């Protein structure tokens, strides 16, 4: 079943053009450690990942190993705050289309 386009309430993506028709898109969101919003942030990350995977230009994996796109989720806790990061890499046109579908008008909320 095709996933609905996610609406990013917490994530806002920054794009980097890698210069070879590929790009890197990174989004992060933070909340106090133990805050219930962390679960919503993680669900949002997984919704974006599902959307990106549904529209994938080819197999997922590192490009140097034959992958067309890849993703990485990271979590870091410091000083009572937890930051979650989603990084996508892949063809520029694909990434821009995926991220454009996820970004609400006016930008995300602040956790």
C-alpha atoms as a PDB file:
ATOM      1  CA  UNK A   1       0.000   0.000   0.000  1.00  0.00           C
ATOM      2  CA  UNK A   2       1.346   3.396  -1.024  1.00  0.00           C
ATOM      3  CA  UNK A   3       2.103   5.614   1.994  1.00  0.00           C
ATOM      4  CA  UNK A   4       0.506   9.046   2.199  1.00  0.00           C
ATOM      5  CA  UNK A   5       2.911  11.976   1.893  1.00  0.00           C
ATOM      6  CA  UNK A   6       4.109  12.736   5.407  1.00  0.00           C
ATOM      7  CA  UNK A   7       3.584  16.207   6.797  1.00  0.00           C
ATOM      8  CA  UNK A   8       6.617  17.291   8.763  1.00  0.00           C
ATOM      9  CA  UNK A   9       5.577  18.923  11.971  1.00  0.00           C
ATOM     10  CA  UNK A  10       9.077  18.796  13.468  1.00  0.00           C
ATOM     11  CA  UNK A  11      11.561  18.111  10.660  1.00  0.00           C
ATOM     12  CA  UNK A  12      12.920  20.774   8.340  1.00  0.00           C
ATOM     13  CA  UNK A  13      15.382  19.660   5.684  1.00  0.00           C
ATOM     14  CA  UNK A  14      18.566  21.368   4.548  1.00  0.00           C
ATOM     15  CA  UNK A  15      19.811  20.322   1.120  1.00  0.00           C
ATOM     16  CA  UNK A  16      23.348  20.089  -0.216  1.00  0.00           C
ATOM     17  CA  UNK A  17      23.963  19.677  -3.944  1.00  0.00           C
ATOM     18  CA  UNK A  18      26.824  17.187  -4.208  1.00  0.00           C
ATOM     19  CA  UNK A  19      27.656  18.430  -7.707  1.00  0.00           C
ATOM     20  CA  UNK A  20      27.166  15.123  -9.506  1.00  0.00           C
ATOM     21  CA  UNK A  21      23.364  15.197  -9.905  1.00  0.00           C
ATOM     22  CA  UNK A  22      23.062  13.840  -6.347  1.00  0.00           C
ATOM     23  CA  UNK A  23      22.243  15.531  -3.096  1.00  0.00           C
ATOM     24  CA  UNK A  24      22.178  15.128   0.644  1.00  0.00           C
ATOM     25  CA  UNK A  25      19.139  16.167   2.701  1.00  0.00           C
ATOM     26  CA  UNK A  26      19.441  16.393   6.466  1.00  0.00           C
ATOM     27  CA  UNK A  27      16.774  17.157   9.030  1.00  0.00           C
ATOM     28  CA  UNK A  28      16.953  17.163  12.782  1.00  0.00           C
ATOM     29  CA  UNK A  29      14.622  17.811  15.662  1.00  0.00           C
ATOM     30  CA  UNK A  30      15.216  17.978  19.408  1.00  0.00           C
ATOM     31  CA  UNK A  31      13.135  17.680  22.546  1.00  0.00           C
ATOM     32  CA  UNK A  32      13.887  17.206  26.227  1.00  0.00           C
ATOM     33  CA  UNK A  33      14.913  13.622  26.966  1.00  0.00           C
ATOM     34  CA  UNK A  34      11.857  11.577  27.921  1.00  0.00           C
ATOM     35  CA  UNK A  35       9.455  14.036  26.256  1.00  0.00           C
ATOM     36  CA  UNK A  36       6.563  12.302  24.435  1.00  0.00           C
ATOM     37  CA  UNK A  37       7.299  14.452  21.369  1.00  0.00           C
ATOM     38  CA  UNK A  38      10.372  12.292  20.764  1.00  0.00           C
ATOM     39  CA  UNK A  39       8.073   9.442  19.772  1.00  0.00           C
ATOM     40  CA  UNK A  40       6.258  11.729  17.336  1.00  0.00           C
ATOM     41  CA  UNK A  41       9.575  12.933  15.913  1.00  0.00           C
ATOM     42  CA  UNK A  42      10.715   9.340  15.381  1.00  0.00           C
ATOM     43  CA  UNK A  43       7.368   8.442  13.769  1.00  0.00           C
ATOM     44  CA  UNK A  44       7.786  11.441  11.453  1.00  0.00           C
ATOM     45  CA  UNK A  45      11.288  10.274  10.519  1.00  0.00           C
ATOM     46  CA  UNK A  46       9.985   6.801   9.692  1.00  0.00           C
ATOM     47  CA  UNK A  47       7.090   8.262   7.665  1.00  0.00           C
ATOM     48  CA  UNK A  48       9.536  10.310   5.570  1.00  0.00           C
ATOM     49  CA  UNK A  49      11.723   7.240   5.155  1.00  0.00           C
ATOM     50  CA  UNK A  50       8.727   5.161   3.998  1.00  0.00           C
ATOM     51  CA  UNK A  51       7.737   7.883   1.508  1.00  0.00           C
ATOM     52  CA  UNK A  52      11.302   8.128   0.186  1.00  0.00           C
ATOM     53  CA  UNK A  53      11.531   4.354  -0.111  1.00  0.00           C
ATOM     54  CA  UNK A  54       8.218   4.118  -1.978  1.00  0.00           C
ATOM     55  CA  UNK A  55       9.523   6.642  -4.520  1.00  0.00           C
ATOM     56  CA  UNK A  56      13.033   5.197  -4.566  1.00  0.00           C
ATOM     57  CA  UNK A  57      14.976   5.547  -7.815  1.00  0.00           C
ATOM     58  CA  UNK A  58      16.527   2.111  -7.291  1.00  0.00           C
ATOM     59  CA  UNK A  59      18.044  -0.058  -4.597  1.00  0.00           C
ATOM     60  CA  UNK A  60      18.877   1.408  -1.203  1.00  0.00           C
ATOM     61  CA  UNK A  61      22.498   1.287  -0.136  1.00  0.00           C
ATOM     62  CA  UNK A  62      25.732   3.232  -0.292  1.00  0.00           C
ATOM     63  CA  UNK A  63      26.307   4.613  -3.791  1.00  0.00           C
ATOM     64  CA  UNK A  64      29.854   3.267  -3.832  1.00  0.00           C
ATOM     65  CA  UNK A  65      28.316  -0.211  -3.391  1.00  0.00           C
ATOM     66  CA  UNK A  66      25.717   0.167  -6.172  1.00  0.00           C
ATOM     67  CA  UNK A  67      22.899   1.789  -4.207  1.00  0.00           C
ATOM     68  CA  UNK A  68      20.847   4.560  -5.799  1.00  0.00           C
ATOM     69  CA  UNK A  69      19.847   6.167  -2.499  1.00  0.00           C
ATOM     70  CA  UNK A  70      20.471   5.739   1.194  1.00  0.00           C
ATOM     71  CA  UNK A  71      19.294   6.968   4.564  1.00  0.00           C
ATOM     72  CA  UNK A  72      20.719   7.207   8.045  1.00  0.00           C
ATOM     73  CA  UNK A  73      18.934   7.856  11.341  1.00  0.00           C
ATOM     74  CA  UNK A  74      20.949   9.086  14.316  1.00  0.00           C
ATOM     75  CA  UNK A  75      20.028   9.876  17.899  1.00  0.00           C
ATOM     76  CA  UNK A  76      22.147  11.862  20.335  1.00  0.00           C
ATOM     77  CA  UNK A  77      21.380  12.751  23.957  1.00  0.00           C
ATOM     78  CA  UNK A  78      23.241  15.501  25.770  1.00  0.00           C
ATOM     79  CA  UNK A  79      22.458  17.843  28.632  1.00  0.00           C
ATOM     80  CA  UNK A  80      18.914  16.548  29.055  1.00  0.00           C
ATOM     81  CA  UNK A  81      17.986  16.902  25.376  1.00  0.00           C
ATOM     82  CA  UNK A  82      17.672  14.284  22.646  1.00  0.00           C
ATOM     83  CA  UNK A  83      18.326  15.179  19.018  1.00  0.00           C
ATOM     84  CA  UNK A  84      17.206  12.929  16.187  1.00  0.00           C
ATOM     85  CA  UNK A  85      18.636  13.310  12.694  1.00  0.00           C
ATOM     86  CA  UNK A  86      17.552  11.873   9.348  1.00  0.00           C
ATOM     87  CA  UNK A  87      19.978  12.054   6.431  1.00  0.00           C
ATOM     88  CA  UNK A  88      18.951  11.061   2.899  1.00  0.00           C
ATOM     89  CA  UNK A  89      21.303  10.807  -0.072  1.00  0.00           C
ATOM     90  CA  UNK A  90      20.437  10.125  -3.686  1.00  0.00           C
ATOM     91  CA  UNK A  91      19.615  11.662  -7.048  1.00  0.00           C
ATOM     92  CA  UNK A  92      18.914  15.376  -6.797  1.00  0.00           C
ATOM     93  CA  UNK A  93      15.529  15.365  -8.547  1.00  0.00           C
ATOM     94  CA  UNK A  94      14.250  12.430  -6.466  1.00  0.00           C
ATOM     95  CA  UNK A  95      15.324  13.975  -3.171  1.00  0.00           C
ATOM     96  CA  UNK A  96      13.878  17.372  -3.933  1.00  0.00           C
ATOM     97  CA  UNK A  97      10.544  15.808  -4.935  1.00  0.00           C
ATOM     98  CA  UNK A  98      10.415  13.704  -1.766  1.00  0.00           C
ATOM     99  CA  UNK A  99      11.285  16.556   0.559  1.00  0.00           C
ATOM    100  CA  UNK A 100       8.983  19.072  -1.153  1.00  0.00           C
ATOM    101  CA  UNK A 101       6.040  16.736  -0.478  1.00  0.00           C
ATOM    102  CA  UNK A 102       6.928  16.624   3.222  1.00  0.00           C
ATOM    103  CA  UNK A 103       7.457  20.279   4.027  1.00  0.00           C
ATOM    104  CA  UNK A 104       4.411  22.200   5.273  1.00  0.00           C
ATOM    105  CA  UNK A 105       3.861  25.758   4.172  1.00  0.00           C
ATOM    106  CA  UNK A 106       5.453  28.028   6.759  1.00  0.00           C
ATOM    107  CA  UNK A 107       7.914  25.415   7.982  1.00  0.00           C
ATOM    108  CA  UNK A 108       7.850  22.915  10.827  1.00  0.00           C
ATOM    109  CA  UNK A 109       6.948  23.499  14.434  1.00  0.00           C
ATOM    110  CA  UNK A 110       9.549  23.658  17.159  1.00  0.00           C
ATOM    111  CA  UNK A 111       9.941  20.839  19.621  1.00  0.00           C
END
